[in-house]
C-alpha atoms as a PDB file:
ATOM      1  CA  MET A   1    -107.274  17.836  62.402  1.00  0.00           C
ATOM      2  CA  ALA A   2    -105.435  21.346  63.330  1.00  0.00           C
ATOM      3  CA  VAL A   3    -107.893  21.562  66.211  1.00  0.00           C
ATOM      4  CA  HIS A   4    -106.230  19.721  69.558  1.00  0.00           C
ATOM      5  CA  LEU A   5    -108.938  17.753  71.900  1.00  0.00           C
ATOM      6  CA  ARG A   6    -107.589  20.201  74.986  1.00  0.00           C
ATOM      7  CA  LYS A   7    -109.425  23.111  72.820  1.00  0.00           C
ATOM      8  CA  LEU A   8    -112.022  20.699  72.166  1.00  0.00           C
ATOM      9  CA  ALA A   9    -112.625  20.186  75.884  1.00  0.00           C
ATOM     10  CA  ALA A  10    -112.537  24.274  76.883  1.00  0.00           C
ATOM     11  CA  LEU A  11    -115.118  24.890  73.742  1.00  0.00           C
ATOM     12  CA  GLY A  12    -117.236  22.591  75.489  1.00  0.00           C
ATOM     13  CA  ALA A  13    -120.692  22.941  74.301  1.00  0.00           C
ATOM     14  CA  SER A  14    -121.943  20.783  71.387  1.00  0.00           C
ATOM     15  CA  SER A  15    -123.174  24.090  69.453  1.00  0.00           C
ATOM     16  CA  SER A  16    -119.270  24.780  68.866  1.00  0.00           C
ATOM     17  CA  ILE A  17    -119.150  21.595  66.568  1.00  0.00           C
ATOM     18  CA  PRO A  18    -120.716  23.349  63.092  1.00  0.00           C
ATOM     19  CA  HIS A  19    -118.038  26.381  63.568  1.00  0.00           C
ATOM     20  CA  LEU A  20    -115.125  23.661  64.081  1.00  0.00           C
ATOM     21  CA  LEU A  21    -116.587  21.895  61.213  1.00  0.00           C
ATOM     22  CA  SER A  22    -116.080  24.673  58.766  1.00  0.00           C
ATOM     23  CA  LYS A  23    -112.532  24.907  59.764  1.00  0.00           C
ATOM     24  CA  THR A  24    -111.140  21.846  59.683  1.00  0.00           C
ATOM     25  CA  LYS A  25    -109.548  20.491  56.726  1.00  0.00           C
ATOM     26  CA  HIS A  26    -111.076  16.481  57.239  1.00  0.00           C
ATOM     27  CA  PRO A  27    -114.321  16.512  56.648  1.00  0.00           C
ATOM     28  CA  GLU A  28    -114.471  12.644  56.849  1.00  0.00           C
ATOM     29  CA  LYS A  29    -113.862  13.200  60.939  1.00  0.00           C
ATOM     30  CA  LEU A  30    -117.407  14.418  61.247  1.00  0.00           C
ATOM     31  CA  ASN A  31    -118.210  11.544  63.681  1.00  0.00           C
ATOM     32  CA  LEU A  32    -115.019  11.712  65.619  1.00  0.00           C
ATOM     33  CA  LEU A  33    -116.525  15.965  66.065  1.00  0.00           C
ATOM     34  CA  SER A  34    -120.052  14.294  66.954  1.00  0.00           C
ATOM     35  CA  ALA A  35    -118.881  11.628  69.206  1.00  0.00           C
ATOM     36  CA  PHE A  36    -116.872  13.959  72.131  1.00  0.00           C
ATOM     37  CA  ALA A  37    -119.666  16.043  71.631  1.00  0.00           C
ATOM     38  CA  VAL A  38    -121.922  13.429  73.492  1.00  0.00           C
ATOM     39  CA  GLY A  39    -119.613  12.554  75.540  1.00  0.00           C
ATOM     40  CA  SER A  40    -119.167   9.295  73.845  1.00  0.00           C
ATOM     41  CA  VAL A  41    -115.505   9.095  73.761  1.00  0.00           C
ATOM     42  CA  ARG A  42    -112.168   9.595  76.331  1.00  0.00           C
ATOM     43  CA  ILE A  43    -108.857  10.953  76.043  1.00  0.00           C
ATOM     44  CA  VAL A  44    -106.240   8.731  76.236  1.00  0.00           C
ATOM     45  CA  SER A  45    -102.519  10.150  75.892  1.00  0.00           C
ATOM     46  CA  THR A  46    -100.473   8.060  73.535  1.00  0.00           C
ATOM     47  CA  CYS A  47     -97.234   9.662  74.965  1.00  0.00           C
ATOM     48  CA  SER A  48     -96.642  10.996  78.157  1.00  0.00           C
ATOM     49  CA  GLY A  49     -93.779  13.602  77.240  1.00  0.00           C
ATOM     50  CA  ASP A  50     -95.955  14.642  74.478  1.00  0.00           C
ATOM     51  CA  ALA A  51     -99.619  16.367  75.492  1.00  0.00           C
ATOM     52  CA  SER A  52    -100.657  17.043  72.148  1.00  0.00           C
ATOM     53  CA  ALA A  53    -100.421  13.351  71.030  1.00  0.00           C
ATOM     54  CA  ASN A  54    -103.396  12.307  71.933  1.00  0.00           C
ATOM     55  CA  ARG A  55    -106.266   9.864  70.418  1.00  0.00           C
ATOM     56  CA  LEU A  56    -109.901   9.472  70.598  1.00  0.00           C
ATOM     57  CA  GLU A  57    -111.256   5.841  71.954  1.00  0.00           C
ATOM     58  CA  GLY A  58    -114.063   4.628  72.541  1.00  0.00           C
ATOM     59  CA  GLY A  59    -115.294   1.718  75.480  1.00  0.00           C
ATOM     60  CA  ASP A  60    -114.098  -1.170  73.108  1.00  0.00           C
ATOM     61  CA  GLY A  61    -110.756   1.166  72.153  1.00  0.00           C
ATOM     62  CA  THR A  62    -111.639   1.646  68.666  1.00  0.00           C
ATOM     63  CA  ASN A  63    -109.294   4.608  67.817  1.00  0.00           C
ATOM     64  CA  TYR A  64    -112.020   6.953  66.177  1.00  0.00           C
ATOM     65  CA  TRP A  65    -109.496   9.011  64.104  1.00  0.00           C
ATOM     66  CA  GLU A  66    -109.401   6.008  61.668  1.00  0.00           C
ATOM     67  CA  PHE A  67    -112.772   6.042  60.603  1.00  0.00           C
ATOM     68  CA  GLN A  68    -113.391   7.963  57.281  1.00  0.00           C
ATOM     69  CA  ARG A  69    -116.108   9.453  54.827  1.00  0.00           C
ATOM     70  CA  TRP A  70    -116.971   6.250  52.299  1.00  0.00           C
ATOM     71  CA  PRO A  71    -116.952   9.400  49.040  1.00  0.00           C
ATOM     72  CA  ASN A  72    -119.646   6.531  47.436  1.00  0.00           C
ATOM     73  CA  GLY A  73    -122.592   7.548  49.275  1.00  0.00           C
ATOM     74  CA  GLY A  74    -120.802   9.549  52.850  1.00  0.00           C
ATOM     75  CA  GLY A  75    -120.743   6.729  55.243  1.00  0.00           C
ATOM     76  CA  THR A  76    -118.745   5.992  57.555  1.00  0.00           C
ATOM     77  CA  PHE A  77    -116.205   3.376  57.367  1.00  0.00           C
ATOM     78  CA  HIS A  78    -112.828   2.286  59.113  1.00  0.00           C
ATOM     79  CA  GLU A  79    -109.492   2.164  57.141  1.00  0.00           C
ATOM     80  CA  SER A  80    -108.575  -1.177  58.255  1.00  0.00           C
ATOM     81  CA  ALA A  81    -111.608  -2.520  56.095  1.00  0.00           C
ATOM     82  CA  CYS A  82    -111.922  -3.900  52.254  1.00  0.00           C
ATOM     83  CA  ILE A  83    -114.652  -1.896  50.495  1.00  0.00           C
ATOM     84  CA  ASP A  84    -115.338  -2.562  46.827  1.00  0.00           C
ATOM     85  CA  PRO A  85    -115.305   1.092  44.974  1.00  0.00           C
ATOM     86  CA  THR A  86    -118.259   0.002  43.638  1.00  0.00           C
ATOM     87  CA  ALA A  87    -120.010  -0.766  46.897  1.00  0.00           C
ATOM     88  CA  LEU A  88    -122.635   1.981  48.097  1.00  0.00           C
ATOM     89  CA  ILE A  89    -122.810   3.182  51.916  1.00  0.00           C
ATOM     90  CA  GLU A  90    -125.109   5.500  52.797  1.00  0.00           C
ATOM     91  CA  VAL A  91    -125.039   8.614  55.130  1.00  0.00           C
ATOM     92  CA  GLY A  92    -125.263   7.246  58.568  1.00  0.00           C
ATOM     93  CA  ALA A  93    -124.074   3.420  58.158  1.00  0.00           C
ATOM     94  CA  VAL A  94    -120.823   2.190  59.790  1.00  0.00           C
ATOM     95  CA  VAL A  95    -118.805  -0.163  58.815  1.00  0.00           C
ATOM     96  CA  HIS A  96    -116.288  -1.480  61.288  1.00  0.00           C
ATOM     97  CA  PRO A  97    -112.336  -2.385  61.255  1.00  0.00           C
ATOM     98  CA  LYS A  98    -111.443  -5.557  59.100  1.00  0.00           C
ATOM     99  CA  ALA A  99    -114.828  -5.958  57.303  1.00  0.00           C
ATOM    100  CA  VAL A 100    -115.046  -7.017  53.996  1.00  0.00           C
ATOM    101  CA  LEU A 101    -117.874  -5.945  51.445  1.00  0.00           C
ATOM    102  CA  GLY A 102    -117.544  -6.949  47.619  1.00  0.00           C
ATOM    103  CA  ALA A 103    -118.746  -5.595  44.591  1.00  0.00           C
ATOM    104  CA  HIS A 104    -121.727  -3.894  44.723  1.00  0.00           C
ATOM    105  CA  VAL A 105    -123.060  -3.672  47.891  1.00  0.00           C
ATOM    106  CA  HIS A 106    -125.504  -1.486  49.059  1.00  0.00           C
ATOM    107  CA  VAL A 107    -125.736  -0.392  52.650  1.00  0.00           C
ATOM    108  CA  ARG A 108    -128.767   1.734  53.740  1.00  0.00           C
ATOM    109  CA  SER A 109    -128.827   4.528  56.337  1.00  0.00           C
ATOM    110  CA  GLY A 110    -128.719   3.530  59.907  1.00  0.00           C
ATOM    111  CA  THR A 111    -127.093   0.033  59.248  1.00  0.00           C
ATOM    112  CA  VAL A 112    -124.217  -1.078  61.158  1.00  0.00           C
ATOM    113  CA  ILE A 113    -121.501  -3.796  59.974  1.00  0.00           C
ATOM    114  CA  GLY A 114    -118.955  -4.843  62.736  1.00  0.00           C
ATOM    115  CA  PRO A 115    -115.930  -5.811  62.827  1.00  0.00           C
ATOM    116  CA  ALA A 116    -114.580  -8.637  60.663  1.00  0.00           C
ATOM    117  CA  VAL A 117    -117.709  -9.033  59.053  1.00  0.00           C
ATOM    118  CA  THR A 118    -117.927 -10.101  55.119  1.00  0.00           C
ATOM    119  CA  VAL A 119    -120.786  -9.028  52.962  1.00  0.00           C
ATOM    120  CA  GLY A 120    -120.851 -10.508  49.229  1.00  0.00           C
ATOM    121  CA  GLN A 121    -120.988  -9.256  46.326  1.00  0.00           C
ATOM    122  CA  SER A 122    -124.002  -7.860  45.241  1.00  0.00           C
ATOM    123  CA  THR A 123    -125.642  -7.715  48.293  1.00  0.00           C
ATOM    124  CA  LYS A 124    -128.481  -5.296  49.598  1.00  0.00           C
ATOM    125  CA  ILE A 125    -129.017  -4.161  53.042  1.00  0.00           C
ATOM    126  CA  GLY A 126    -131.751  -2.321  54.607  1.00  0.00           C
ATOM    127  CA  TYR A 127    -132.196   0.334  56.852  1.00  0.00           C
ATOM    128  CA  ASN A 128    -130.918  -0.140  60.660  1.00  0.00           C
ATOM    129  CA  VAL A 129    -129.484  -3.611  60.265  1.00  0.00           C
ATOM    130  CA  SER A 130    -126.894  -4.896  62.096  1.00  0.00           C
ATOM    131  CA  LEU A 131    -124.701  -7.288  61.213  1.00  0.00           C
ATOM    132  CA  GLY A 132    -122.189  -8.627  63.712  1.00  0.00           C
ATOM    133  CA  ASN A 133    -120.119 -12.021  63.945  1.00  0.00           C
ATOM    134  CA  CYS A 134    -120.736 -13.234  60.486  1.00  0.00           C
ATOM    135  CA  THR A 135    -120.354 -13.525  56.991  1.00  0.00           C
ATOM    136  CA  VAL A 136    -122.919 -12.582  54.247  1.00  0.00           C
ATOM    137  CA  GLY A 137    -123.335 -14.204  51.087  1.00  0.00           C
ATOM    138  CA  GLY A 138    -123.636 -12.497  47.455  1.00  0.00           C
ATOM    139  CA  SER A 139    -126.621 -11.545  46.397  1.00  0.00           C
ATOM    140  CA  CYS A 140    -128.817 -11.665  49.532  1.00  0.00           C
ATOM    141  CA  VAL A 141    -131.378  -9.397  50.055  1.00  0.00           C
ATOM    142  CA  ILE A 142    -131.630  -8.370  54.110  1.00  0.00           C
ATOM    143  CA  HIS A 143    -134.584  -5.907  54.998  1.00  0.00           C
ATOM    144  CA  ASN A 144    -134.938  -3.150  57.644  1.00  0.00           C
ATOM    145  CA  GLY A 145    -134.338  -3.913  60.835  1.00  0.00           C
ATOM    146  CA  VAL A 146    -132.364  -6.980  60.760  1.00  0.00           C
ATOM    147  CA  CYS A 147    -129.959  -8.327  63.566  1.00  0.00           C
ATOM    148  CA  ILE A 148    -127.385 -11.533  62.532  1.00  0.00           C
ATOM    149  CA  GLY A 149    -125.218 -12.438  64.614  1.00  0.00           C
ATOM    150  CA  GLN A 150    -125.787 -11.309  68.284  1.00  0.00           C
ATOM    151  CA  ASP A 151    -125.529 -13.900  70.905  1.00  0.00           C
ATOM    152  CA  GLY A 152    -127.469 -16.875  71.503  1.00  0.00           C
ATOM    153  CA  PHE A 153    -129.971 -17.061  74.349  1.00  0.00           C
ATOM    154  CA  GLY A 154    -128.167 -19.528  76.507  1.00  0.00           C
ATOM    155  CA  PHE A 155    -127.701 -19.553  80.208  1.00  0.00           C
ATOM    156  CA  LEU A 156    -127.211 -22.344  83.165  1.00  0.00           C
ATOM    157  CA  VAL A 157    -128.046 -22.686  86.827  1.00  0.00           C
ATOM    158  CA  ASP A 158    -124.845 -23.091  89.396  1.00  0.00           C
ATOM    159  CA  GLU A 159    -124.889 -24.778  92.301  1.00  0.00           C
ATOM    160  CA  SER A 160    -126.082 -21.219  93.935  1.00  0.00           C
ATOM    161  CA  GLY A 161    -128.965 -20.940  91.808  1.00  0.00           C
ATOM    162  CA  ASN A 162    -127.235 -18.193  89.705  1.00  0.00           C
ATOM    163  CA  MET A 163    -127.839 -18.174  86.354  1.00  0.00           C
ATOM    164  CA  LEU A 164    -125.144 -17.818  84.105  1.00  0.00           C
ATOM    165  CA  LYS A 165    -124.569 -16.853  80.620  1.00  0.00           C
ATOM    166  CA  LYS A 166    -123.045 -19.626  78.210  1.00  0.00           C
ATOM    167  CA  PRO A 167    -119.906 -18.479  76.208  1.00  0.00           C
ATOM    168  CA  GLN A 168    -120.879 -17.780  72.586  1.00  0.00           C
ATOM    169  CA  MET A 169    -117.939 -17.706  70.168  1.00  0.00           C
ATOM    170  CA  LEU A 170    -118.897 -18.674  66.774  1.00  0.00           C
ATOM    171  CA  ASN A 171    -120.371 -17.179  63.840  1.00  0.00           C
ATOM    172  CA  ALA A 172    -123.218 -17.003  61.787  1.00  0.00           C
ATOM    173  CA  ARG A 173    -122.755 -17.765  58.066  1.00  0.00           C
ATOM    174  CA  ILE A 174    -125.477 -17.237  55.823  1.00  0.00           C
ATOM    175  CA  GLY A 175    -124.856 -18.576  51.747  1.00  0.00           C
ATOM    176  CA  ASN A 176    -125.925 -16.833  47.975  1.00  0.00           C
ATOM    177  CA  ASN A 177    -129.106 -15.484  47.462  1.00  0.00           C
ATOM    178  CA  VAL A 178    -130.750 -15.606  50.640  1.00  0.00           C
ATOM    179  CA  GLU A 179    -133.441 -13.515  51.123  1.00  0.00           C
ATOM    180  CA  ILE A 180    -134.322 -12.146  54.930  1.00  0.00           C
ATOM    181  CA  GLY A 181    -137.280  -9.871  55.862  1.00  0.00           C
ATOM    182  CA  ALA A 182    -137.798  -7.214  58.526  1.00  0.00           C
ATOM    183  CA  ASN A 183    -136.702  -7.877  62.077  1.00  0.00           C
ATOM    184  CA  THR A 184    -135.886 -11.411  61.512  1.00  0.00           C
ATOM    185  CA  CYS A 185    -132.783 -12.603  64.360  1.00  0.00           C
ATOM    186  CA  ILE A 186    -130.274 -14.707  63.796  1.00  0.00           C
ATOM    187  CA  ASP A 187    -127.925 -15.821  66.865  1.00  0.00           C
ATOM    188  CA  ARG A 188    -124.155 -16.539  66.298  1.00  0.00           C
ATOM    189  CA  GLY A 189    -123.023 -19.944  66.994  1.00  0.00           C
ATOM    190  CA  SER A 190    -121.651 -21.532  70.428  1.00  0.00           C
ATOM    191  CA  TRP A 191    -120.644 -24.722  69.942  1.00  0.00           C
ATOM    192  CA  ARG A 192    -121.142 -24.930  66.192  1.00  0.00           C
ATOM    193  CA  GLU A 193    -121.737 -22.083  63.771  1.00  0.00           C
ATOM    194  CA  THR A 194    -125.681 -21.284  62.762  1.00  0.00           C
ATOM    195  CA  VAL A 195    -125.888 -21.786  59.186  1.00  0.00           C
ATOM    196  CA  ILE A 196    -128.740 -20.702  56.386  1.00  0.00           C
ATOM    197  CA  GLY A 197    -128.045 -22.386  53.053  1.00  0.00           C
ATOM    198  CA  ASP A 198    -128.344 -20.911  49.532  1.00  0.00           C
ATOM    199  CA  TRP A 199    -130.890 -19.583  48.332  1.00  0.00           C
ATOM    200  CA  SER A 200    -133.473 -19.567  51.260  1.00  0.00           C
ATOM    201  CA  LYS A 201    -136.489 -17.041  51.819  1.00  0.00           C
ATOM    202  CA  ILE A 202    -136.861 -15.963  55.370  1.00  0.00           C
ATOM    203  CA  ASP A 203    -140.205 -13.830  56.634  1.00  0.00           C
ATOM    204  CA  ASN A 204    -140.490 -10.897  58.334  1.00  0.00           C
ATOM    205  CA  LEU A 205    -139.981 -11.576  62.593  1.00  0.00           C
ATOM    206  CA  VAL A 206    -137.857 -15.003  62.450  1.00  0.00           C
ATOM    207  CA  GLN A 207    -136.060 -16.273  65.343  1.00  0.00           C
ATOM    208  CA  ILE A 208    -133.445 -18.466  64.589  1.00  0.00           C
ATOM    209  CA  GLY A 209    -131.416 -19.280  67.466  1.00  0.00           C
ATOM    210  CA  HIS A 210    -128.061 -20.494  67.981  1.00  0.00           C
ATOM    211  CA  ASN A 211    -126.289 -23.652  66.235  1.00  0.00           C
ATOM    212  CA  ALA A 212    -129.293 -24.411  63.947  1.00  0.00           C
ATOM    213  CA  VAL A 213    -128.358 -25.268  60.589  1.00  0.00           C
ATOM    214  CA  VAL A 214    -130.942 -24.477  57.602  1.00  0.00           C
ATOM    215  CA  GLY A 215    -130.522 -25.955  54.327  1.00  0.00           C
ATOM    216  CA  LYS A 216    -130.941 -24.941  51.182  1.00  0.00           C
ATOM    217  CA  SER A 217    -133.779 -23.532  49.216  1.00  0.00           C
ATOM    218  CA  CYS A 218    -136.396 -22.978  52.909  1.00  0.00           C
ATOM    219  CA  ILE A 219    -138.778 -20.922  53.143  1.00  0.00           C
ATOM    220  CA  LEU A 220    -139.446 -20.194  56.823  1.00  0.00           C
ATOM    221  CA  CYS A 221    -142.719 -17.874  56.581  1.00  0.00           C
ATOM    222  CA  GLY A 222    -143.644 -14.923  59.378  1.00  0.00           C
ATOM    223  CA  GLN A 223    -142.933 -15.481  63.385  1.00  0.00           C
ATOM    224  CA  ALA A 224    -141.582 -18.932  62.475  1.00  0.00           C
ATOM    225  CA  GLY A 225    -138.780 -19.785  65.556  1.00  0.00           C
ATOM    226  CA  ILE A 226    -135.922 -22.158  65.154  1.00  0.00           C
ATOM    227  CA  ALA A 227    -134.594 -22.762  68.593  1.00  0.00           C
ATOM    228  CA  GLY A 228    -131.410 -23.858  69.413  1.00  0.00           C
ATOM    229  CA  SER A 229    -129.093 -26.594  67.712  1.00  0.00           C
ATOM    230  CA  ALA A 230    -132.020 -27.267  65.588  1.00  0.00           C
ATOM    231  CA  ILE A 231    -131.085 -28.723  62.077  1.00  0.00           C
ATOM    232  CA  LEU A 232    -133.439 -28.386  58.730  1.00  0.00           C
ATOM    233  CA  GLY A 233    -133.087 -30.628  55.744  1.00  0.00           C
ATOM    234  CA  ASP A 234    -133.393 -28.176  52.445  1.00  0.00           C
ATOM    235  CA  TYR A 235    -136.192 -27.235  50.562  1.00  0.00           C
ATOM    236  CA  VAL A 236    -137.976 -26.893  54.190  1.00  0.00           C
ATOM    237  CA  THR A 237    -141.141 -25.109  54.385  1.00  0.00           C
ATOM    238  CA  LEU A 238    -142.210 -23.156  57.909  1.00  0.00           C
ATOM    239  CA  GLY A 239    -145.616 -22.398  58.172  1.00  0.00           C
ATOM    240  CA  GLY A 240    -147.014 -19.018  60.008  1.00  0.00           C
ATOM    241  CA  ARG A 241    -145.857 -19.218  63.582  1.00  0.00           C
ATOM    242  CA  ALA A 242    -144.293 -23.101  63.008  1.00  0.00           C
ATOM    243  CA  ALA A 243    -141.936 -23.721  65.890  1.00  0.00           C
ATOM    244  CA  VAL A 244    -139.046 -26.317  65.974  1.00  0.00           C
ATOM    245  CA  ARG A 245    -137.935 -27.692  69.267  1.00  0.00           C
ATOM    246  CA  ASP A 246    -134.299 -27.234  70.199  1.00  0.00           C
ATOM    247  CA  HIS A 247    -132.285 -30.542  68.906  1.00  0.00           C
ATOM    248  CA  VAL A 248    -134.789 -31.423  66.786  1.00  0.00           C
ATOM    249  CA  SER A 249    -133.599 -32.701  62.835  1.00  0.00           C
ATOM    250  CA  ILE A 250    -136.417 -32.089  60.204  1.00  0.00           C
ATOM    251  CA  THR A 251    -135.676 -34.337  56.775  1.00  0.00           C
ATOM    252  CA  SER A 252    -135.162 -32.557  53.852  1.00  0.00           C
ATOM    253  CA  LYS A 253    -138.813 -31.731  51.584  1.00  0.00           C
ATOM    254  CA  VAL A 254    -141.025 -31.728  54.779  1.00  0.00           C
ATOM    255  CA  ARG A 255    -143.948 -28.827  54.744  1.00  0.00           C
ATOM    256  CA  LEU A 256    -145.230 -27.483  58.379  1.00  0.00           C
ATOM    257  CA  ALA A 257    -148.650 -26.477  58.654  1.00  0.00           C
ATOM    258  CA  ALA A 258    -149.121 -23.003  60.620  1.00  0.00           C
ATOM    259  CA  ASN A 259    -149.068 -22.759  64.258  1.00  0.00           C
ATOM    260  CA  SER A 260    -147.789 -26.304  64.493  1.00  0.00           C
ATOM    261  CA  CYS A 261    -144.718 -27.175  66.426  1.00  0.00           C
ATOM    262  CA  VAL A 262    -142.043 -30.176  65.661  1.00  0.00           C
ATOM    263  CA  THR A 263    -141.073 -31.890  68.898  1.00  0.00           C
ATOM    264  CA  LYS A 264    -138.997 -34.974  67.698  1.00  0.00           C
ATOM    265  CA  ASP A 265    -137.368 -36.043  65.025  1.00  0.00           C
ATOM    266  CA  ILE A 266    -138.791 -35.638  61.516  1.00  0.00           C
ATOM    267  CA  LYS A 267    -137.504 -38.495  59.358  1.00  0.00           C
ATOM    268  CA  GLU A 268    -140.256 -38.773  56.431  1.00  0.00           C
ATOM    269  CA  PRO A 269    -140.709 -36.267  53.747  1.00  0.00           C
ATOM    270  CA  GLY A 270    -144.301 -34.791  53.166  1.00  0.00           C
ATOM    271  CA  ASP A 271    -147.062 -32.607  54.974  1.00  0.00           C
ATOM    272  CA  TYR A 272    -147.055 -32.091  58.820  1.00  0.00           C
ATOM    273  CA  GLY A 273    -149.182 -30.509  61.512  1.00  0.00           C
ATOM    274  CA  GLY A 274    -150.503 -29.963  65.150  1.00  0.00           C
ATOM    275  CA  PHE A 275    -148.893 -29.834  68.521  1.00  0.00           C
ATOM    276  CA  PRO A 276    -147.108 -31.921  68.109  1.00  0.00           C
ATOM    277  CA  ALA A 277    -146.515 -32.485  64.935  1.00  0.00           C
ATOM    278  CA  VAL A 278    -147.705 -35.595  62.833  1.00  0.00           C
ATOM    279  CA  PRO A 279    -148.419 -36.562  59.536  1.00  0.00           C
ATOM    280  CA  ILE A 280    -150.842 -34.096  57.925  1.00  0.00           C
ATOM    281  CA  GLY A 281    -153.854 -36.599  57.553  1.00  0.00           C
ATOM    282  CA  ILE A 282    -153.226 -37.693  60.885  1.00  0.00           C
ATOM    283  CA  TRP A 283    -153.724 -34.067  62.314  1.00  0.00           C
ATOM    284  CA  ARG A 284    -156.703 -33.531  60.105  1.00  0.00           C
ATOM    285  CA  ARG A 285    -158.880 -36.298  61.720  1.00  0.00           C
ATOM    286  CA  GLN A 286    -157.624 -35.021  65.204  1.00  0.00           C
ATOM    287  CA  VAL A 287    -159.439 -31.580  64.655  1.00  0.00           C
ATOM    288  CA  VAL A 288    -162.415 -33.515  62.926  1.00  0.00           C
ATOM    289  CA  ALA A 289    -163.100 -35.194  65.842  1.00  0.00           C
ATOM    290  CA  ARG A 290    -162.281 -32.021  68.611  1.00  0.00           C
ATOM    291  CA  SER A 291    -164.666 -30.315  66.363  1.00  0.00           C
END
């Protein structure tokens, strides 16, 4: 851009930004000026002998000069990202460095695709979604407000009684044809990847902890919770508000009633219910005996 940073600093107030935008030859840099106006970037000199050789960097070291406007939709993308020309990135969405977006991906406004995230072809991503430390397969539907790839809830207590965070360094892997409901959270892994199998369908407000493995064609109803390192086989159904304890395994073709809690391994297919979960016939007799 023709406008030097020191001139921007002298202008000061954000009210000057629209006037500058009308003169710039690079409209794809709009987000850089906006970031400067709100004070979220800092000036870093690349050469002590050349004051004009400045760049804008965020707190994580990202070079904001390298972000551009995506022509199909007007969103913002980093120049190192690999995006198919048919992808639609709406205004207000951001694609970070080294992300990969396949053909016919649709990213709605407010969504952030984090560094090195991969999204398969024909996947639809709703408003205000956050994807980081993950891969997403093809033909998936991710509804508004979903968060995938954030740190899992892992802590330990040291000798002084202080809570220390366990490293959360691995990824979450979402299969093909998966649908994830609004405001669902899927944590990244710590000692193995968190995995969601192909064709699984997840309702709104579901929590899936770090290292959890969900098989193919599973159905997880609203407000279900799967704790860290749990394993679900294929064709498992969890009713609304059902819970699975950490490090528990559930074999394939199990159906769990709403409000039930699995506290130990389930090794036989069938229907289960209660807290702790037992075969459905036993649970029904328990309910009758208490009524």
